[in-house]
């Protein structure tokens, strides 16, 4: 675990962009992000009207070492979080999005394309 922490920190800076194969469709994921109104709570680069400030910005999520609730940023953890955020962190303000498995995979695939910090 210590080795993972040391490799992922790299002197306090985020790691560079990485490619993650989720098997999902980023275009369908982006459509779901729009349909489920994720931009009400999150700032999401290149999604019109997605300027929320309740949750964290999703800019750069594709290259972060950790995601919500301190989970390592893996496709499995991201999909788990998208499907059941309250089951992972009962104090989260993130609502259940009623995503099924394939939908969560598509949203994760889209989120992994967000590797830039700015719009």
PDB file of N, CA and C in Angstrom:
ATOM      1  N   UNK A   1       0.828  -1.185   0.000  1.00  0.00           N
ATOM      2  CA  UNK A   1       0.000   0.000   0.000  1.00  0.00           C
ATOM      3  C   UNK A   1       0.873   1.248   0.000  1.00  0.00           C
ATOM      4  N   UNK A   2       1.941   1.230   0.777  1.00  0.00           N
ATOM      5  CA  UNK A   2       2.845   2.371   0.806  1.00  0.00           C
ATOM      6  C   UNK A   2       3.443   2.623  -0.567  1.00  0.00           C
ATOM      7  N   UNK A   3       3.802   1.566  -1.266  1.00  0.00           N
ATOM      8  CA  UNK A   3       4.373   1.726  -2.613  1.00  0.00           C
ATOM      9  C   UNK A   3       3.373   2.394  -3.535  1.00  0.00           C
ATOM     10  N   UNK A   4       2.108   2.000  -3.454  1.00  0.00           N
ATOM     11  CA  UNK A   4       1.075   2.623  -4.266  1.00  0.00           C
ATOM     12  C   UNK A   4       0.961   4.103  -3.946  1.00  0.00           C
ATOM     13  N   UNK A   5       0.985   4.441  -2.683  1.00  0.00           N
ATOM     14  CA  UNK A   5       0.888   5.848  -2.280  1.00  0.00           C
ATOM     15  C   UNK A   5       2.077   6.641  -2.798  1.00  0.00           C
ATOM     16  N   UNK A   6       3.264   6.081  -2.697  1.00  0.00           N
ATOM     17  CA  UNK A   6       4.447   6.793  -3.162  1.00  0.00           C
ATOM     18  C   UNK A   6       4.438   6.987  -4.669  1.00  0.00           C
ATOM     19  N   UNK A   7       4.017   5.977  -5.403  1.00  0.00           N
ATOM     20  CA  UNK A   7       3.978   6.084  -6.858  1.00  0.00           C
ATOM     21  C   UNK A   7       2.907   7.060  -7.297  1.00  0.00           C
ATOM     22  N   UNK A   8       1.746   7.041  -6.637  1.00  0.00           N
ATOM     23  CA  UNK A   8       0.651   7.890  -7.078  1.00  0.00           C
ATOM     24  C   UNK A   8       0.824   9.344  -6.669  1.00  0.00           C
ATOM     25  N   UNK A   9       1.606   9.632  -5.661  1.00  0.00           N
ATOM     26  CA  UNK A   9       1.762  11.020  -5.215  1.00  0.00           C
ATOM     27  C   UNK A   9       2.736  11.810  -6.074  1.00  0.00           C
ATOM     28  N   UNK A  10       3.863  11.243  -6.390  1.00  0.00           N
ATOM     29  CA  UNK A  10       4.880  11.901  -7.200  1.00  0.00           C
ATOM     30  C   UNK A  10       5.166  13.320  -6.726  1.00  0.00           C
ATOM     31  N   UNK A  11       5.535  13.435  -5.485  1.00  0.00           N
ATOM     32  CA  UNK A  11       5.930  14.736  -4.968  1.00  0.00           C
ATOM     33  C   UNK A  11       4.776  15.692  -4.770  1.00  0.00           C
ATOM     34  N   UNK A  12       3.575  15.190  -4.567  1.00  0.00           N
ATOM     35  CA  UNK A  12       2.433  16.050  -4.319  1.00  0.00           C
ATOM     36  C   UNK A  12       1.724  16.511  -5.574  1.00  0.00           C
ATOM     37  N   UNK A  13       2.244  16.163  -6.731  1.00  0.00           N
ATOM     38  CA  UNK A  13       1.572  16.535  -7.973  1.00  0.00           C
ATOM     39  C   UNK A  13       0.769  15.354  -8.480  1.00  0.00           C
ATOM     40  N   UNK A  14      -0.300  15.666  -9.222  1.00  0.00           N
ATOM     41  CA  UNK A  14      -1.104  14.593  -9.777  1.00  0.00           C
ATOM     42  C   UNK A  14      -0.311  13.856 -10.842  1.00  0.00           C
ATOM     43  N   UNK A  15      -0.620  12.588 -11.015  1.00  0.00           N
ATOM     44  CA  UNK A  15       0.038  11.810 -12.046  1.00  0.00           C
ATOM     45  C   UNK A  15      -0.443  12.274 -13.404  1.00  0.00           C
ATOM     46  N   UNK A  16       0.322  11.956 -14.425  1.00  0.00           N
ATOM     47  CA  UNK A  16      -0.047  12.322 -15.787  1.00  0.00           C
ATOM     48  C   UNK A  16      -1.255  11.548 -16.262  1.00  0.00           C
ATOM     49  N   UNK A  17      -1.767  11.961 -17.395  1.00  0.00           N
ATOM     50  CA  UNK A  17      -2.950  11.311 -17.965  1.00  0.00           C
ATOM     51  C   UNK A  17      -2.657   9.834 -18.221  1.00  0.00           C
ATOM     52  N   UNK A  18      -3.662   9.016 -18.028  1.00  0.00           N
ATOM     53  CA  UNK A  18      -3.510   7.606 -18.307  1.00  0.00           C
ATOM     54  C   UNK A  18      -4.730   7.107 -19.049  1.00  0.00           C
ATOM     55  N   UNK A  19      -4.567   6.014 -19.754  1.00  0.00           N
ATOM     56  CA  UNK A  19      -5.667   5.438 -20.511  1.00  0.00           C
ATOM     57  C   UNK A  19      -6.291   4.342 -19.675  1.00  0.00           C
ATOM     58  N   UNK A  20      -7.595   4.357 -19.601  1.00  0.00           N
ATOM     59  CA  UNK A  20      -8.312   3.353 -18.831  1.00  0.00           C
ATOM     60  C   UNK A  20      -9.315   2.676 -19.755  1.00  0.00           C
ATOM     61  N   UNK A  21      -9.219   1.380 -19.872  1.00  0.00           N
ATOM     62  CA  UNK A  21     -10.157   0.621 -20.690  1.00  0.00           C
ATOM     63  C   UNK A  21     -11.311   0.165 -19.812  1.00  0.00           C
ATOM     64  N   UNK A  22     -12.473   0.753 -20.019  1.00  0.00           N
ATOM     65  CA  UNK A  22     -13.648   0.364 -19.234  1.00  0.00           C
ATOM     66  C   UNK A  22     -14.567  -0.555 -20.020  1.00  0.00           C
ATOM     67  N   UNK A  23     -14.448  -0.519 -21.342  1.00  0.00           N
ATOM     68  CA  UNK A  23     -15.386  -1.265 -22.173  1.00  0.00           C
ATOM     69  C   UNK A  23     -16.656  -0.483 -22.419  1.00  0.00           C
ATOM     70  N   UNK A  24     -16.724   0.727 -21.854  1.00  0.00           N
ATOM     71  CA  UNK A  24     -17.907   1.559 -22.032  1.00  0.00           C
ATOM     72  C   UNK A  24     -17.802   2.473 -23.239  1.00  0.00           C
ATOM     73  N   UNK A  25     -18.895   3.151 -23.517  1.00  0.00           N
ATOM     74  CA  UNK A  25     -18.980   4.074 -24.642  1.00  0.00           C
ATOM     75  C   UNK A  25     -19.016   5.502 -24.096  1.00  0.00           C
ATOM     76  N   UNK A  26     -17.941   6.271 -24.295  1.00  0.00           N
ATOM     77  CA  UNK A  26     -17.896   7.638 -23.766  1.00  0.00           C
ATOM     78  C   UNK A  26     -19.020   8.533 -24.296  1.00  0.00           C
ATOM     79  N   UNK A  27     -19.442   8.340 -25.532  1.00  0.00           N
ATOM     80  CA  UNK A  27     -20.522   9.171 -26.085  1.00  0.00           C
ATOM     81  C   UNK A  27     -21.834   8.904 -25.345  1.00  0.00           C
ATOM     82  N   UNK A  28     -22.125   7.642 -25.080  1.00  0.00           N
ATOM     83  CA  UNK A  28     -23.335   7.326 -24.300  1.00  0.00           C
ATOM     84  C   UNK A  28     -23.189   7.846 -22.877  1.00  0.00           C
ATOM     85  N   UNK A  29     -21.979   7.752 -22.334  1.00  0.00           N
ATOM     86  CA  UNK A  29     -21.736   8.269 -20.989  1.00  0.00           C
ATOM     87  C   UNK A  29     -21.973   9.759 -20.904  1.00  0.00           C
ATOM     88  N   UNK A  30     -21.486  10.496 -21.894  1.00  0.00           N
ATOM     89  CA  UNK A  30     -21.711  11.950 -21.908  1.00  0.00           C
ATOM     90  C   UNK A  30     -23.202  12.259 -21.989  1.00  0.00           C
ATOM     91  N   UNK A  31     -23.929  11.505 -22.810  1.00  0.00           N
ATOM     92  CA  UNK A  31     -25.382  11.708 -22.914  1.00  0.00           C
ATOM     93  C   UNK A  31     -26.059  11.444 -21.568  1.00  0.00           C
ATOM     94  N   UNK A  32     -25.628  10.420 -20.860  1.00  0.00           N
ATOM     95  CA  UNK A  32     -26.197  10.123 -19.545  1.00  0.00           C
ATOM     96  C   UNK A  32     -25.863  11.210 -18.531  1.00  0.00           C
ATOM     97  N   UNK A  33     -24.642  11.735 -18.574  1.00  0.00           N
ATOM     98  CA  UNK A  33     -24.242  12.827 -17.680  1.00  0.00           C
ATOM     99  C   UNK A  33     -25.157  14.032 -17.896  1.00  0.00           C
ATOM    100  N   UNK A  34     -25.479  14.301 -19.151  1.00  0.00           N
ATOM    101  CA  UNK A  34     -26.379  15.414 -19.476  1.00  0.00           C
ATOM    102  C   UNK A  34     -27.805  15.091 -19.041  1.00  0.00           C
ATOM    103  N   UNK A  35     -28.270  13.885 -19.370  1.00  0.00           N
ATOM    104  CA  UNK A  35     -29.637  13.457 -19.052  1.00  0.00           C
ATOM    105  C   UNK A  35     -29.907  13.416 -17.551  1.00  0.00           C
ATOM    106  N   UNK A  36     -28.914  13.002 -16.773  1.00  0.00           N
ATOM    107  CA  UNK A  36     -29.082  12.893 -15.322  1.00  0.00           C
ATOM    108  C   UNK A  36     -28.756  14.200 -14.604  1.00  0.00           C
ATOM    109  N   UNK A  37     -28.487  15.252 -15.365  1.00  0.00           N
ATOM    110  CA  UNK A  37     -28.258  16.604 -14.834  1.00  0.00           C
ATOM    111  C   UNK A  37     -27.098  16.671 -13.843  1.00  0.00           C
ATOM    112  N   UNK A  38     -26.025  15.971 -14.144  1.00  0.00           N
ATOM    113  CA  UNK A  38     -24.855  15.974 -13.265  1.00  0.00           C
ATOM    114  C   UNK A  38     -24.253  17.375 -13.131  1.00  0.00           C
ATOM    115  N   UNK A  39     -24.447  18.204 -14.150  1.00  0.00           N
ATOM    116  CA  UNK A  39     -23.911  19.558 -14.146  1.00  0.00           C
ATOM    117  C   UNK A  39     -24.602  20.497 -13.175  1.00  0.00           C
ATOM    118  N   UNK A  40     -25.706  20.077 -12.575  1.00  0.00           N
ATOM    119  CA  UNK A  40     -26.343  20.891 -11.541  1.00  0.00           C
ATOM    120  C   UNK A  40     -25.423  20.962 -10.322  1.00  0.00           C
ATOM    121  N   UNK A  41     -24.725  19.874 -10.042  1.00  0.00           N
ATOM    122  CA  UNK A  41     -23.835  19.822  -8.882  1.00  0.00           C
ATOM    123  C   UNK A  41     -22.357  19.944  -9.233  1.00  0.00           C
ATOM    124  N   UNK A  42     -21.982  19.528 -10.438  1.00  0.00           N
ATOM    125  CA  UNK A  42     -20.573  19.489 -10.832  1.00  0.00           C
ATOM    126  C   UNK A  42     -20.283  20.402 -12.014  1.00  0.00           C
ATOM    127  N   UNK A  43     -19.100  20.989 -12.002  1.00  0.00           N
ATOM    128  CA  UNK A  43     -18.587  21.631 -13.202  1.00  0.00           C
ATOM    129  C   UNK A  43     -18.016  20.515 -14.074  1.00  0.00           C
ATOM    130  N   UNK A  44     -18.459  20.485 -15.331  1.00  0.00           N
ATOM    131  CA  UNK A  44     -18.003  19.442 -16.246  1.00  0.00           C
ATOM    132  C   UNK A  44     -17.536  20.125 -17.528  1.00  0.00           C
ATOM    133  N   UNK A  45     -16.266  19.988 -17.858  1.00  0.00           N
ATOM    134  CA  UNK A  45     -15.740  20.646 -19.056  1.00  0.00           C
ATOM    135  C   UNK A  45     -16.510  20.279 -20.315  1.00  0.00           C
ATOM    136  N   UNK A  46     -16.778  21.295 -21.113  1.00  0.00           N
ATOM    137  CA  UNK A  46     -17.405  21.130 -22.432  1.00  0.00           C
ATOM    138  C   UNK A  46     -18.818  20.575 -22.396  1.00  0.00           C
ATOM    139  N   UNK A  47     -19.490  20.665 -21.260  1.00  0.00           N
ATOM    140  CA  UNK A  47     -20.906  20.312 -21.181  1.00  0.00           C
ATOM    141  C   UNK A  47     -21.646  21.607 -20.879  1.00  0.00           C
ATOM    142  N   UNK A  48     -22.470  22.030 -21.806  1.00  0.00           N
ATOM    143  CA  UNK A  48     -23.173  23.304 -21.680  1.00  0.00           C
ATOM    144  C   UNK A  48     -24.011  23.327 -20.406  1.00  0.00           C
ATOM    145  N   UNK A  49     -23.845  24.394 -19.628  1.00  0.00           N
ATOM    146  CA  UNK A  49     -24.612  24.584 -18.408  1.00  0.00           C
ATOM    147  C   UNK A  49     -24.115  23.797 -17.212  1.00  0.00           C
ATOM    148  N   UNK A  50     -23.087  23.002 -17.373  1.00  0.00           N
ATOM    149  CA  UNK A  50     -22.571  22.185 -16.266  1.00  0.00           C
ATOM    150  C   UNK A  50     -21.566  23.008 -15.472  1.00  0.00           C
ATOM    151  N   UNK A  51     -22.100  23.826 -14.577  1.00  0.00           N
ATOM    152  CA  UNK A  51     -21.250  24.728 -13.803  1.00  0.00           C
ATOM    153  C   UNK A  51     -21.564  24.648 -12.314  1.00  0.00           C
ATOM    154  N   UNK A  52     -22.039  23.502 -11.864  1.00  0.00           N
ATOM    155  CA  UNK A  52     -22.400  23.343 -10.465  1.00  0.00           C
ATOM    156  C   UNK A  52     -21.212  23.465  -9.532  1.00  0.00           C
ATOM    157  N   UNK A  53     -21.509  23.851  -8.296  1.00  0.00           N
ATOM    158  CA  UNK A  53     -20.461  24.016  -7.289  1.00  0.00           C
ATOM    159  C   UNK A  53     -20.742  23.217  -6.019  1.00  0.00           C
ATOM    160  N   UNK A  54     -21.784  22.397  -6.028  1.00  0.00           N
ATOM    161  CA  UNK A  54     -22.105  21.587  -4.847  1.00  0.00           C
ATOM    162  C   UNK A  54     -21.092  20.457  -4.700  1.00  0.00           C
ATOM    163  N   UNK A  55     -20.817  19.767  -5.803  1.00  0.00           N
ATOM    164  CA  UNK A  55     -19.813  18.706  -5.825  1.00  0.00           C
ATOM    165  C   UNK A  55     -18.540  19.225  -6.451  1.00  0.00           C
ATOM    166  N   UNK A  56     -17.500  18.419  -6.444  1.00  0.00           N
ATOM    167  CA  UNK A  56     -16.234  18.866  -7.032  1.00  0.00           C
ATOM    168  C   UNK A  56     -16.330  18.971  -8.551  1.00  0.00           C
ATOM    169  N   UNK A  57     -15.454  19.786  -9.107  1.00  0.00           N
ATOM    170  CA  UNK A  57     -15.329  19.849 -10.560  1.00  0.00           C
ATOM    171  C   UNK A  57     -14.875  18.475 -11.045  1.00  0.00           C
ATOM    172  N   UNK A  58     -15.399  18.076 -12.197  1.00  0.00           N
ATOM    173  CA  UNK A  58     -14.983  16.806 -12.774  1.00  0.00           C
ATOM    174  C   UNK A  58     -13.853  16.995 -13.787  1.00  0.00           C
ATOM    175  N   UNK A  59     -13.391  18.235 -13.932  1.00  0.00           N
ATOM    176  CA  UNK A  59     -12.243  18.495 -14.801  1.00  0.00           C
ATOM    177  C   UNK A  59     -11.042  17.738 -14.258  1.00  0.00           C
ATOM    178  N   UNK A  60     -10.396  16.994 -15.092  1.00  0.00           N
ATOM    179  CA  UNK A  60      -9.196  16.283 -14.689  1.00  0.00           C
ATOM    180  C   UNK A  60      -9.428  14.987 -13.945  1.00  0.00           C
ATOM    181  N   UNK A  61     -10.671  14.576 -13.761  1.00  0.00           N
ATOM    182  CA  UNK A  61     -10.938  13.347 -13.000  1.00  0.00           C
ATOM    183  C   UNK A  61     -10.279  12.136 -13.657  1.00  0.00           C
ATOM    184  N   UNK A  62     -10.084  12.199 -14.955  1.00  0.00           N
ATOM    185  CA  UNK A  62      -9.476  11.090 -15.670  1.00  0.00           C
ATOM    186  C   UNK A  62      -8.013  10.863 -15.349  1.00  0.00           C
ATOM    187  N   UNK A  63      -7.379  11.801 -14.624  1.00  0.00           N
ATOM    188  CA  UNK A  63      -5.972  11.604 -14.277  1.00  0.00           C
ATOM    189  C   UNK A  63      -5.718  11.731 -12.782  1.00  0.00           C
ATOM    190  N   UNK A  64      -6.774  11.726 -11.993  1.00  0.00           N
ATOM    191  CA  UNK A  64      -6.605  11.789 -10.545  1.00  0.00           C
ATOM    192  C   UNK A  64      -6.279  10.406  -9.985  1.00  0.00           C
ATOM    193  N   UNK A  65      -5.517  10.390  -8.924  1.00  0.00           N
ATOM    194  CA  UNK A  65      -5.156   9.125  -8.285  1.00  0.00           C
ATOM    195  C   UNK A  65      -6.300   8.560  -7.453  1.00  0.00           C
ATOM    196  N   UNK A  66      -7.122   9.450  -6.897  1.00  0.00           N
ATOM    197  CA  UNK A  66      -8.220   9.026  -6.043  1.00  0.00           C
ATOM    198  C   UNK A  66      -9.505   9.716  -6.476  1.00  0.00           C
ATOM    199  N   UNK A  67     -10.624   9.048  -6.205  1.00  0.00           N
ATOM    200  CA  UNK A  67     -11.937   9.623  -6.483  1.00  0.00           C
ATOM    201  C   UNK A  67     -12.681   9.778  -5.165  1.00  0.00           C
ATOM    202  N   UNK A  68     -13.962   9.878  -5.226  1.00  0.00           N
ATOM    203  CA  UNK A  68     -14.801  10.105  -4.056  1.00  0.00           C
ATOM    204  C   UNK A  68     -14.530   9.117  -2.933  1.00  0.00           C
ATOM    205  N   UNK A  69     -14.706   9.577  -1.732  1.00  0.00           N
ATOM    206  CA  UNK A  69     -14.544   8.762  -0.524  1.00  0.00           C
ATOM    207  C   UNK A  69     -13.136   8.188  -0.399  1.00  0.00           C
ATOM    208  N   UNK A  70     -12.161   8.786  -1.079  1.00  0.00           N
ATOM    209  CA  UNK A  70     -10.780   8.344  -0.989  1.00  0.00           C
ATOM    210  C   UNK A  70     -10.483   7.034  -1.697  1.00  0.00           C
ATOM    211  N   UNK A  71     -11.386   6.618  -2.586  1.00  0.00           N
ATOM    212  CA  UNK A  71     -11.180   5.364  -3.316  1.00  0.00           C
ATOM    213  C   UNK A  71     -10.106   5.545  -4.383  1.00  0.00           C
ATOM    214  N   UNK A  72      -9.243   4.554  -4.569  1.00  0.00           N
ATOM    215  CA  UNK A  72      -8.303   4.618  -5.687  1.00  0.00           C
ATOM    216  C   UNK A  72      -9.082   4.731  -6.995  1.00  0.00           C
ATOM    217  N   UNK A  73      -8.575   5.519  -7.909  1.00  0.00           N
ATOM    218  CA  UNK A  73      -9.261   5.771  -9.169  1.00  0.00           C
ATOM    219  C   UNK A  73      -9.055   4.591 -10.120  1.00  0.00           C
ATOM    220  N   UNK A  74      -9.974   3.637 -10.009  1.00  0.00           N
ATOM    221  CA  UNK A  74      -9.996   2.479 -10.909  1.00  0.00           C
ATOM    222  C   UNK A  74     -11.375   2.413 -11.546  1.00  0.00           C
ATOM    223  N   UNK A  75     -11.493   1.772 -12.707  1.00  0.00           N
ATOM    224  CA  UNK A  75     -12.820   1.649 -13.314  1.00  0.00           C
ATOM    225  C   UNK A  75     -13.832   0.984 -12.372  1.00  0.00           C
ATOM    226  N   UNK A  76     -13.397  -0.044 -11.665  1.00  0.00           N
ATOM    227  CA  UNK A  76     -14.320  -0.746 -10.766  1.00  0.00           C
ATOM    228  C   UNK A  76     -14.824   0.175  -9.662  1.00  0.00           C
ATOM    229  N   UNK A  77     -13.919   0.931  -9.056  1.00  0.00           N
ATOM    230  CA  UNK A  77     -14.327   1.835  -7.977  1.00  0.00           C
ATOM    231  C   UNK A  77     -15.192   2.971  -8.493  1.00  0.00           C
ATOM    232  N   UNK A  78     -14.849   3.530  -9.646  1.00  0.00           N
ATOM    233  CA  UNK A  78     -15.648   4.620 -10.194  1.00  0.00           C
ATOM    234  C   UNK A  78     -17.050   4.130 -10.541  1.00  0.00           C
ATOM    235  N   UNK A  79     -17.142   2.983 -11.158  1.00  0.00           N
ATOM    236  CA  UNK A  79     -18.459   2.435 -11.486  1.00  0.00           C
ATOM    237  C   UNK A  79     -19.260   2.129 -10.218  1.00  0.00           C
ATOM    238  N   UNK A  80     -18.608   1.580  -9.207  1.00  0.00           N
ATOM    239  CA  UNK A  80     -19.273   1.319  -7.912  1.00  0.00           C
ATOM    240  C   UNK A  80     -19.818   2.609  -7.325  1.00  0.00           C
ATOM    241  N   UNK A  81     -18.974   3.657  -7.353  1.00  0.00           N
ATOM    242  CA  UNK A  81     -19.383   4.957  -6.814  1.00  0.00           C
ATOM    243  C   UNK A  81     -20.589   5.501  -7.577  1.00  0.00           C
ATOM    244  N   UNK A  82     -20.555   5.415  -8.899  1.00  0.00           N
ATOM    245  CA  UNK A  82     -21.653   5.937  -9.717  1.00  0.00           C
ATOM    246  C   UNK A  82     -22.961   5.187  -9.461  1.00  0.00           C
ATOM    247  N   UNK A  83     -22.860   3.907  -9.185  1.00  0.00           N
ATOM    248  CA  UNK A  83     -24.066   3.101  -8.952  1.00  0.00           C
ATOM    249  C   UNK A  83     -24.623   3.244  -7.539  1.00  0.00           C
ATOM    250  N   UNK A  84     -23.756   3.435  -6.542  1.00  0.00           N
ATOM    251  CA  UNK A  84     -24.237   3.446  -5.159  1.00  0.00           C
ATOM    252  C   UNK A  84     -23.379   4.342  -4.263  1.00  0.00           C
ATOM    253  N   UNK A  85     -23.409   5.655  -4.495  1.00  0.00           N
ATOM    254  CA  UNK A  85     -22.553   6.532  -3.681  1.00  0.00           C
ATOM    255  C   UNK A  85     -22.876   6.488  -2.191  1.00  0.00           C
ATOM    256  N   UNK A  86     -24.146   6.410  -1.849  1.00  0.00           N
ATOM    257  CA  UNK A  86     -24.539   6.395  -0.436  1.00  0.00           C
ATOM    258  C   UNK A  86     -24.123   5.090   0.230  1.00  0.00           C
ATOM    259  N   UNK A  87     -24.087   4.003  -0.515  1.00  0.00           N
ATOM    260  CA  UNK A  87     -23.627   2.727   0.029  1.00  0.00           C
ATOM    261  C   UNK A  87     -22.144   2.746   0.360  1.00  0.00           C
ATOM    262  N   UNK A  88     -21.396   3.625  -0.307  1.00  0.00           N
ATOM    263  CA  UNK A  88     -19.962   3.744  -0.053  1.00  0.00           C
ATOM    264  C   UNK A  88     -19.690   4.779   1.026  1.00  0.00           C
ATOM    265  N   UNK A  89     -20.424   5.874   0.980  1.00  0.00           N
ATOM    266  CA  UNK A  89     -20.248   6.957   1.960  1.00  0.00           C
ATOM    267  C   UNK A  89     -21.625   7.489   2.330  1.00  0.00           C
ATOM    268  N   UNK A  90     -22.138   7.055   3.467  1.00  0.00           N
ATOM    269  CA  UNK A  90     -23.511   7.421   3.840  1.00  0.00           C
ATOM    270  C   UNK A  90     -23.689   8.919   4.082  1.00  0.00           C
ATOM    271  N   UNK A  91     -22.606   9.680   4.205  1.00  0.00           N
ATOM    272  CA  UNK A  91     -22.703  11.119   4.416  1.00  0.00           C
ATOM    273  C   UNK A  91     -22.562  11.933   3.125  1.00  0.00           C
ATOM    274  N   UNK A  92     -22.419  11.270   2.002  1.00  0.00           N
ATOM    275  CA  UNK A  92     -22.224  12.008   0.754  1.00  0.00           C
ATOM    276  C   UNK A  92     -23.499  12.734   0.328  1.00  0.00           C
ATOM    277  N   UNK A  93     -23.352  13.920  -0.245  1.00  0.00           N
ATOM    278  CA  UNK A  93     -24.524  14.588  -0.818  1.00  0.00           C
ATOM    279  C   UNK A  93     -24.852  14.064  -2.216  1.00  0.00           C
ATOM    280  N   UNK A  94     -23.997  13.202  -2.759  1.00  0.00           N
ATOM    281  CA  UNK A  94     -24.225  12.647  -4.096  1.00  0.00           C
ATOM    282  C   UNK A  94     -25.452  11.746  -4.068  1.00  0.00           C
ATOM    283  N   UNK A  95     -26.429  12.048  -4.919  1.00  0.00           N
ATOM    284  CA  UNK A  95     -27.641  11.223  -4.933  1.00  0.00           C
ATOM    285  C   UNK A  95     -27.436   9.934  -5.724  1.00  0.00           C
ATOM    286  N   UNK A  96     -28.298   8.979  -5.477  1.00  0.00           N
ATOM    287  CA  UNK A  96     -28.317   7.770  -6.302  1.00  0.00           C
ATOM    288  C   UNK A  96     -28.808   8.176  -7.686  1.00  0.00           C
ATOM    289  N   UNK A  97     -28.102   7.781  -8.715  1.00  0.00           N
ATOM    290  CA  UNK A  97     -28.434   8.182 -10.084  1.00  0.00           C
ATOM    291  C   UNK A  97     -29.249   7.129 -10.822  1.00  0.00           C
ATOM    292  N   UNK A  98     -29.516   6.003 -10.182  1.00  0.00           N
ATOM    293  CA  UNK A  98     -30.274   4.901 -10.779  1.00  0.00           C
ATOM    294  C   UNK A  98     -29.632   4.425 -12.076  1.00  0.00           C
ATOM    295  N   UNK A  99     -28.307   4.314 -12.056  1.00  0.00           N
ATOM    296  CA  UNK A  99     -27.600   3.796 -13.219  1.00  0.00           C
ATOM    297  C   UNK A  99     -27.472   2.286 -13.090  1.00  0.00           C
ATOM    298  N   UNK A 100     -27.733   1.573 -14.191  1.00  0.00           N
ATOM    299  CA  UNK A 100     -27.467   0.137 -14.170  1.00  0.00           C
ATOM    300  C   UNK A 100     -25.990  -0.082 -14.509  1.00  0.00           C
ATOM    301  N   UNK A 101     -25.548  -1.316 -14.513  1.00  0.00           N
ATOM    302  CA  UNK A 101     -24.147  -1.624 -14.751  1.00  0.00           C
ATOM    303  C   UNK A 101     -23.590  -1.062 -16.051  1.00  0.00           C
ATOM    304  N   UNK A 102     -24.241  -1.329 -17.204  1.00  0.00           N
ATOM    305  CA  UNK A 102     -23.732  -0.785 -18.462  1.00  0.00           C
ATOM    306  C   UNK A 102     -23.736   0.751 -18.500  1.00  0.00           C
ATOM    307  N   UNK A 103     -24.735   1.365 -17.904  1.00  0.00           N
ATOM    308  CA  UNK A 103     -24.774   2.834 -17.864  1.00  0.00           C
ATOM    309  C   UNK A 103     -23.626   3.384 -17.025  1.00  0.00           C
ATOM    310  N   UNK A 104     -23.349   2.779 -15.880  1.00  0.00           N
ATOM    311  CA  UNK A 104     -22.237   3.219 -15.043  1.00  0.00           C
ATOM    312  C   UNK A 104     -20.915   3.045 -15.779  1.00  0.00           C
ATOM    313  N   UNK A 105     -20.796   1.974 -16.546  1.00  0.00           N
ATOM    314  CA  UNK A 105     -19.585   1.741 -17.338  1.00  0.00           C
ATOM    315  C   UNK A 105     -19.427   2.825 -18.400  1.00  0.00           C
ATOM    316  N   UNK A 106     -20.525   3.219 -19.041  1.00  0.00           N
ATOM    317  CA  UNK A 106     -20.478   4.274 -20.051  1.00  0.00           C
ATOM    318  C   UNK A 106     -20.118   5.623 -19.429  1.00  0.00           C
ATOM    319  N   UNK A 107     -20.712   5.938 -18.278  1.00  0.00           N
ATOM    320  CA  UNK A 107     -20.394   7.204 -17.611  1.00  0.00           C
ATOM    321  C   UNK A 107     -18.931   7.210 -17.184  1.00  0.00           C
ATOM    322  N   UNK A 108     -18.453   6.108 -16.645  1.00  0.00           N
ATOM    323  CA  UNK A 108     -17.037   6.021 -16.259  1.00  0.00           C
ATOM    324  C   UNK A 108     -16.143   6.226 -17.481  1.00  0.00           C
ATOM    325  N   UNK A 109     -16.497   5.607 -18.599  1.00  0.00           N
ATOM    326  CA  UNK A 109     -15.710   5.774 -19.825  1.00  0.00           C
ATOM    327  C   UNK A 109     -15.651   7.243 -20.218  1.00  0.00           C
ATOM    328  N   UNK A 110     -16.778   7.947 -20.112  1.00  0.00           N
ATOM    329  CA  UNK A 110     -16.780   9.376 -20.426  1.00  0.00           C
ATOM    330  C   UNK A 110     -15.922  10.165 -19.421  1.00  0.00           C
ATOM    331  N   UNK A 111     -16.105   9.893 -18.144  1.00  0.00           N
ATOM    332  CA  UNK A 111     -15.348  10.637 -17.133  1.00  0.00           C
ATOM    333  C   UNK A 111     -13.847  10.447 -17.306  1.00  0.00           C
ATOM    334  N   UNK A 112     -13.434   9.272 -17.761  1.00  0.00           N
ATOM    335  CA  UNK A 112     -12.008   9.046 -17.985  1.00  0.00           C
ATOM    336  C   UNK A 112     -11.463   9.823 -19.182  1.00  0.00           C
ATOM    337  N   UNK A 113     -12.335  10.396 -19.983  1.00  0.00           N
ATOM    338  CA  UNK A 113     -11.842  11.275 -21.058  1.00  0.00           C
ATOM    339  C   UNK A 113     -11.541  12.667 -20.536  1.00  0.00           C
ATOM    340  N   UNK A 114     -11.973  12.984 -19.324  1.00  0.00           N
ATOM    341  CA  UNK A 114     -11.785  14.322 -18.751  1.00  0.00           C
ATOM    342  C   UNK A 114     -10.426  14.381 -18.064  1.00  0.00           C
ATOM    343  N   UNK A 115      -9.408  14.603 -18.850  1.00  0.00           N
ATOM    344  CA  UNK A 115      -8.050  14.590 -18.326  1.00  0.00           C
ATOM    345  C   UNK A 115      -7.479  15.991 -18.174  1.00  0.00           C
ATOM    346  N   UNK A 116      -8.153  16.984 -18.671  1.00  0.00           N
ATOM    347  CA  UNK A 116      -7.667  18.362 -18.581  1.00  0.00           C
ATOM    348  C   UNK A 116      -8.300  19.072 -17.396  1.00  0.00           C
ATOM    349  N   UNK A 117      -7.544  19.972 -16.773  1.00  0.00           N
ATOM    350  CA  UNK A 117      -8.042  20.714 -15.618  1.00  0.00           C
ATOM    351  C   UNK A 117      -8.918  21.890 -15.996  1.00  0.00           C
ATOM    352  N   UNK A 118      -8.850  22.332 -17.228  1.00  0.00           N
ATOM    353  CA  UNK A 118      -9.602  23.532 -17.624  1.00  0.00           C
ATOM    354  C   UNK A 118     -10.502  23.237 -18.806  1.00  0.00           C
ATOM    355  N   UNK A 119     -11.485  24.116 -18.951  1.00  0.00           N
ATOM    356  CA  UNK A 119     -12.396  24.018 -20.096  1.00  0.00           C
ATOM    357  C   UNK A 119     -11.698  24.374 -21.349  1.00  0.00           C
TER     358      UNK A 119
END
